[in-house]
């Protein structure tokens, strides 16, 4: 499913070194994302590994999140290589993760699955936003704006992977450009 490139809503703010066990605990890796019911269930467990000091991420009654934008610090998505991490965030309803830096495998899995846009900030945003702040991510303009005061923060261009993510991942993009028959 193609992704929108202008994302608006409340943000969910995390810290540095958010690993894949925090993003989706290993006990939920038996869920098969290609089965619609299990995909939705996987989303309901997104960020379930966080300490109880964090608000519940997938807090809507239907198991989705009210936070389409996740803000992280350095080394977001470190830990084991698990495609389930960006899939769980996307299944919950997140559309973008804005972090200071990424573990390479999380970035690659985000592109491959097309679940969330992995965007890098020019500055540290963990201290600039708090959970619940309204923001707007403009992917073509490479910005995130805090809507309360209109302050704009620069993002690094997502580059050549943007159309792959926007198409919904590697296979959807390959179909879109004719590499794979529909």
Foldseek 3Di string as FASTA:
>chain_A
DFADQKDKFWEFEDEAPAELCQQANPVLVVQDCVPPVSLLVLLLRGRVNDPPVGPRAQPDPSSAGRHQEYEYEYAPHDDDQDLSRLSSNLSNRHAEYEYQYYDVSVCVSCLAQLRHHYWYFPDRCSVVDHGGFMWIGRQVQQWIARVVVRDITGIDHSPPSVVSSSLRHDVSVCCVVVVDPD
